Every structure is written in C-alpha cells, then in structure tokens.
Amino acid sequence: MLLLAVAFIVAYAWPVLDQNLDQSWQTFLVGVSWTVWLAFAVDFAIRLALSTDRGRYALRHWYDVALVVLPLLRPLRLLRLLALVRVLDRSASNSFAGRVLVYIAGATVLVVALGGIAVLDAEQGVRDANITNLGDALWWATTTVTTVGYGDHFPVSTEGRLVAAVLMLFGISLVGAVTASVASWMLTRAAAERREQDHPDV
C-alpha cells in the first residue's frame, strides 16, 4: 500500500506541476490514480469485512470512509496519504528525538508538499487566484501549517479552502503534539534526576 501511495502522489502531482504534459500521459496518469483509489477501496472493504464491529470500525476510520465514498474531491483524497505518516510513526523509536523526527520532519514535510500541490491544483485557472505557481503554493502551505498565516497568499476556490481547513487542523494538532512531547520529556527527565538524587548509588 505504501508503494501505491507513492504512485498516487506521482500520478496526482505530475499533471499539476506540468501544465504542458502530453494528453496521452495525462490519460495514463488519471488511470493510475483511479487504479490506486480502487486498490485503497478494496483494502478498506477487506479490513471492514474482517472487523468484528463494522460500525465502530467505520467510525474510527471515518477518513478512510470519506476517501472511498467521495473520490471526486481530489484534495480530500490526499488525506489517504497520511497513512505514510502512520507508517513512519510505527517505525520510529519511542524516544523524544524519534517522535520529533517523525512528527516534524516526516509529517510536516509530507503534508506541506501535498497540501501545496493540492491547493495549486485547486487554484489554477480560478479567477482572482493569487496562488499561481508551486513556490507560492509551498509558501502558503508552510505558513498555514505553522499557524503563522501571513495572508499574502490565500485560496479563493472552494476546493482550495477545503485544503486550507485540513492544513489548519493539522497545524494545530502538530503544535499540540510537539508541546505534549516536550512536556512529557521534561517531566521524565525531572523524575530521572530526582531518582538519581534520592538513590545516588543505584
């Protein structure tokens, strides 16, 4: 599934970044996108069928349900690629440095890149759009995820604003996760130093 997700990234991003792409290649990449979407849909259907409580499983994986049921919302489909973050999370160590590496270096870079491509796709050709190239899109995605929000670039289309809402939620979650990790690390260090002071010979 990880390789399929990478294939989906390429198939989705290439036509967005290359507006002069040959029509035959565009048709091929559209076919790849739908093939990958079908694979994800089959994967979710199998997992749902194997679960003991299907209703609860569907509620707990509501984003997968939305991504399968609403394939026409292209920016929304990109949320399925957050599975890459969960794969990185499982492979990371339980240490503070490992968590920071996963959530900041992994999740942020991935979401900023995909969010930038998604908003560029949504805004291209829209009247009065001010996000018209990849540089502007990545800059906007970075300021949105980090909750800075300079306001020099912003989406004007409905799809673009949907991407913005997702990035805003991710940014808030990221700040909360990092804050919680730092607080947990500080408390762990303080407890360890206290134990060393109470039992210096241990």
Protein backbone atom coordinates (compact mmCIF):
# COMPACT_ATOMS: atom_id res chain seq x y z
CA MET A 1 0.00 0.00 0.00
CA LEU A 2 2.93 2.30 0.65
CA LEU A 3 4.17 1.88 -2.93
CA LEU A 4 0.65 2.52 -4.23
CA ALA A 5 0.51 5.73 -2.19
CA VAL A 6 3.79 6.87 -3.75
CA ALA A 7 2.43 6.02 -7.20
CA PHE A 8 -0.67 8.10 -6.42
CA ILE A 9 1.50 11.05 -5.41
CA VAL A 10 3.35 10.94 -8.73
CA ALA A 11 0.17 10.45 -10.78
CA TYR A 12 -1.57 13.31 -9.00
CA ALA A 13 1.30 15.80 -8.84
CA TRP A 14 2.79 15.41 -12.31
CA PRO A 15 -0.14 16.92 -14.30
CA VAL A 16 -0.46 19.72 -11.75
CA LEU A 17 3.19 20.70 -11.99
CA ASP A 18 3.50 20.22 -15.76
CA GLN A 19 0.65 22.03 -17.48
CA ASN A 20 2.07 21.17 -20.92
CA LEU A 21 2.00 17.43 -20.31
CA ASP A 22 1.02 15.37 -23.34
CA GLN A 23 -2.61 14.28 -23.38
CA SER A 24 -1.69 10.60 -23.58
CA TRP A 25 0.39 10.89 -20.43
CA GLN A 26 -2.43 12.74 -18.68
CA THR A 27 -4.83 9.93 -19.56
CA PHE A 28 -2.34 7.34 -18.32
CA LEU A 29 -1.80 9.16 -15.01
CA VAL A 30 -5.56 9.53 -14.49
CA GLY A 31 -5.83 5.79 -14.98
CA VAL A 32 -3.08 5.21 -12.41
CA SER A 33 -4.86 7.48 -9.90
CA TRP A 34 -8.15 5.61 -10.25
CA THR A 35 -6.39 2.24 -10.07
CA VAL A 36 -4.71 3.22 -6.83
CA TRP A 37 -8.01 4.58 -5.47
CA LEU A 38 -9.66 1.26 -6.32
CA ALA A 39 -6.89 -0.62 -4.52
CA PHE A 40 -7.39 1.53 -1.42
CA ALA A 41 -11.15 0.96 -1.62
CA VAL A 42 -10.68 -2.82 -1.83
CA ASP A 43 -8.19 -2.70 1.04
CA PHE A 44 -10.65 -0.81 3.24
CA ALA A 45 -13.52 -3.11 2.26
CA ILE A 46 -11.47 -6.17 3.28
CA ARG A 47 -10.46 -4.60 6.60
CA LEU A 48 -14.08 -3.64 7.25
CA ALA A 49 -15.29 -7.16 6.44
CA LEU A 50 -12.74 -8.71 8.80
CA SER A 51 -13.60 -6.43 11.72
CA THR A 52 -15.91 -7.76 14.43
CA ASP A 53 -17.75 -4.47 14.89
CA ARG A 54 -18.03 -2.91 11.43
CA GLY A 55 -19.95 0.17 12.54
CA ARG A 56 -17.41 1.05 15.20
CA TYR A 57 -14.53 0.33 12.84
CA ALA A 58 -16.02 2.62 10.19
CA LEU A 59 -16.48 5.41 12.74
CA ARG A 60 -12.92 5.06 14.00
CA HIS A 61 -11.66 5.18 10.40
CA TRP A 62 -14.05 7.87 9.16
CA TYR A 63 -11.36 9.45 6.98
CA ASP A 64 -10.95 6.19 5.05
CA VAL A 65 -14.71 6.03 4.56
CA ALA A 66 -14.79 9.60 3.24
CA LEU A 67 -11.85 8.99 0.93
CA VAL A 68 -13.53 5.94 -0.57
CA VAL A 69 -17.06 7.36 -0.80
CA LEU A 70 -16.08 10.84 -2.05
CA PRO A 71 -13.48 10.22 -4.76
CA LEU A 72 -14.43 13.36 -6.69
CA LEU A 73 -12.97 15.61 -4.01
CA ARG A 74 -9.37 15.45 -5.17
CA PRO A 75 -7.81 17.37 -2.26
CA LEU A 76 -9.71 15.15 0.19
CA ARG A 77 -8.29 12.03 -1.43
CA LEU A 78 -4.83 13.26 -0.50
CA LEU A 79 -5.67 12.68 3.16
CA ARG A 80 -5.30 8.96 2.47
CA LEU A 81 -1.60 9.63 2.04
CA LEU A 82 -1.36 10.45 5.74
CA ALA A 83 -1.06 6.68 6.09
CA LEU A 84 2.59 7.33 5.25
CA VAL A 85 2.87 9.26 8.49
CA ARG A 86 1.43 6.33 10.45
CA VAL A 87 3.98 4.01 8.82
CA LEU A 88 6.80 6.34 9.85
CA ASP A 89 5.33 6.58 13.32
CA ARG A 90 5.35 2.80 13.80
CA SER A 91 8.94 2.58 12.59
CA ALA A 92 10.21 5.34 14.85
CA SER A 93 11.65 4.79 18.28
CA ASN A 94 9.78 5.70 21.44
CA SER A 95 12.40 8.29 22.34
CA PHE A 96 11.75 12.00 22.32
CA ALA A 97 14.14 12.50 19.39
CA GLY A 98 12.38 9.76 17.44
CA ARG A 99 8.95 11.31 17.92
CA VAL A 100 10.19 14.75 16.92
CA LEU A 101 11.82 13.32 13.81
CA VAL A 102 8.62 11.53 12.82
CA TYR A 103 6.06 14.23 13.51
CA ILE A 104 8.06 17.26 12.42
CA ALA A 105 10.47 16.08 9.72
CA GLY A 106 8.17 13.40 8.35
CA ALA A 107 4.60 14.56 8.76
CA THR A 108 5.18 18.27 8.18
CA VAL A 109 7.26 17.90 5.02
CA LEU A 110 4.78 15.41 3.60
CA VAL A 111 1.68 17.46 4.35
CA VAL A 112 3.23 20.77 3.27
CA ALA A 113 4.29 19.28 -0.07
CA LEU A 114 0.97 17.56 -0.73
CA GLY A 115 -1.04 20.50 0.57
CA GLY A 116 0.89 22.86 -1.70
CA ILE A 117 0.28 20.66 -4.74
CA ALA A 118 -3.40 20.23 -3.84
CA VAL A 119 -4.04 23.95 -3.42
CA LEU A 120 -2.17 24.71 -6.64
CA ASP A 121 -4.36 22.17 -8.42
CA ALA A 122 -7.48 23.75 -6.95
CA GLU A 123 -6.47 27.36 -7.68
CA GLN A 124 -5.10 27.00 -11.21
CA GLY A 125 -7.35 28.77 -13.66
CA VAL A 126 -9.56 30.28 -10.94
CA ARG A 127 -10.42 33.95 -11.37
CA ASP A 128 -8.57 36.31 -8.96
CA ALA A 129 -6.42 33.43 -7.69
CA ASN A 130 -3.18 34.57 -6.03
CA ILE A 131 -1.62 31.11 -5.70
CA THR A 132 -0.47 30.53 -9.26
CA ASN A 133 2.83 28.62 -9.03
CA LEU A 134 4.44 25.93 -6.91
CA GLY A 135 6.60 28.39 -4.98
CA ASP A 136 3.57 30.39 -3.83
CA ALA A 137 1.70 27.18 -3.02
CA LEU A 138 4.50 25.75 -0.86
CA TRP A 139 4.98 29.11 0.89
CA TRP A 140 1.26 29.29 1.65
CA ALA A 141 1.19 25.68 2.88
CA THR A 142 4.19 26.32 5.15
CA THR A 143 2.71 29.43 6.75
CA THR A 144 -0.64 27.67 7.17
CA VAL A 145 0.74 24.50 8.80
CA THR A 146 2.93 26.51 11.17
CA THR A 147 -0.14 28.63 12.05
CA VAL A 148 1.74 31.83 11.10
CA GLY A 149 -0.62 32.79 8.28
CA TYR A 150 0.88 35.97 6.79
CA GLY A 151 -2.11 36.41 4.49
CA ASP A 152 -0.04 37.33 1.43
CA HIS A 153 -1.37 34.25 -0.35
CA PHE A 154 -4.72 32.56 0.22
CA PRO A 155 -7.10 30.23 -1.65
CA VAL A 156 -10.24 31.66 -3.22
CA SER A 157 -11.87 28.46 -4.51
CA THR A 158 -13.99 26.05 -2.51
CA GLU A 159 -11.56 23.17 -3.05
CA GLY A 160 -8.64 25.38 -2.09
CA ARG A 161 -10.34 26.39 1.14
CA LEU A 162 -11.01 22.74 1.91
CA VAL A 163 -7.28 22.09 1.62
CA ALA A 164 -6.67 25.09 3.87
CA ALA A 165 -9.02 23.75 6.53
CA VAL A 166 -7.21 20.40 6.55
CA LEU A 167 -3.81 22.08 6.86
CA MET A 168 -5.06 24.32 9.68
CA LEU A 169 -6.28 21.31 11.65
CA PHE A 170 -3.00 19.55 11.04
CA GLY A 171 -1.04 22.59 12.18
CA ILE A 172 -2.99 22.85 15.43
CA SER A 173 -2.55 19.12 16.03
CA LEU A 174 1.17 19.35 15.32
CA VAL A 175 1.69 22.18 17.79
CA GLY A 176 -0.24 20.25 20.44
CA ALA A 177 1.71 17.05 19.80
CA VAL A 178 5.08 18.79 19.99
CA THR A 179 4.08 20.66 23.16
CA ALA A 180 2.90 17.44 24.80
CA SER A 181 6.10 15.63 23.79
CA VAL A 182 8.29 18.39 25.21
CA ALA A 183 6.32 18.46 28.46
CA SER A 184 6.49 14.66 28.74
CA TRP A 185 10.22 14.67 28.09
CA MET A 186 10.83 17.38 30.70
CA LEU A 187 8.78 15.50 33.31
CA THR A 188 10.63 12.26 32.53
CA ARG A 189 14.00 13.97 32.85
CA ALA A 190 12.98 15.64 36.12
CA ALA A 191 11.79 12.31 37.54
CA ALA A 192 15.03 10.60 36.50
CA GLU A 193 17.17 13.31 38.13
CA ARG A 194 15.08 13.08 41.29
CA ARG A 195 15.64 9.32 41.44
CA GLU A 196 19.38 9.83 40.99
CA GLN A 197 19.44 12.33 43.85
CA ASP A 198 17.43 10.05 46.14
CA HIS A 199 19.45 6.94 45.25
CA PRO A 200 22.89 8.11 44.11
CA ASP A 201 24.43 4.63 44.36
CA VAL A 202 21.76 2.90 42.24
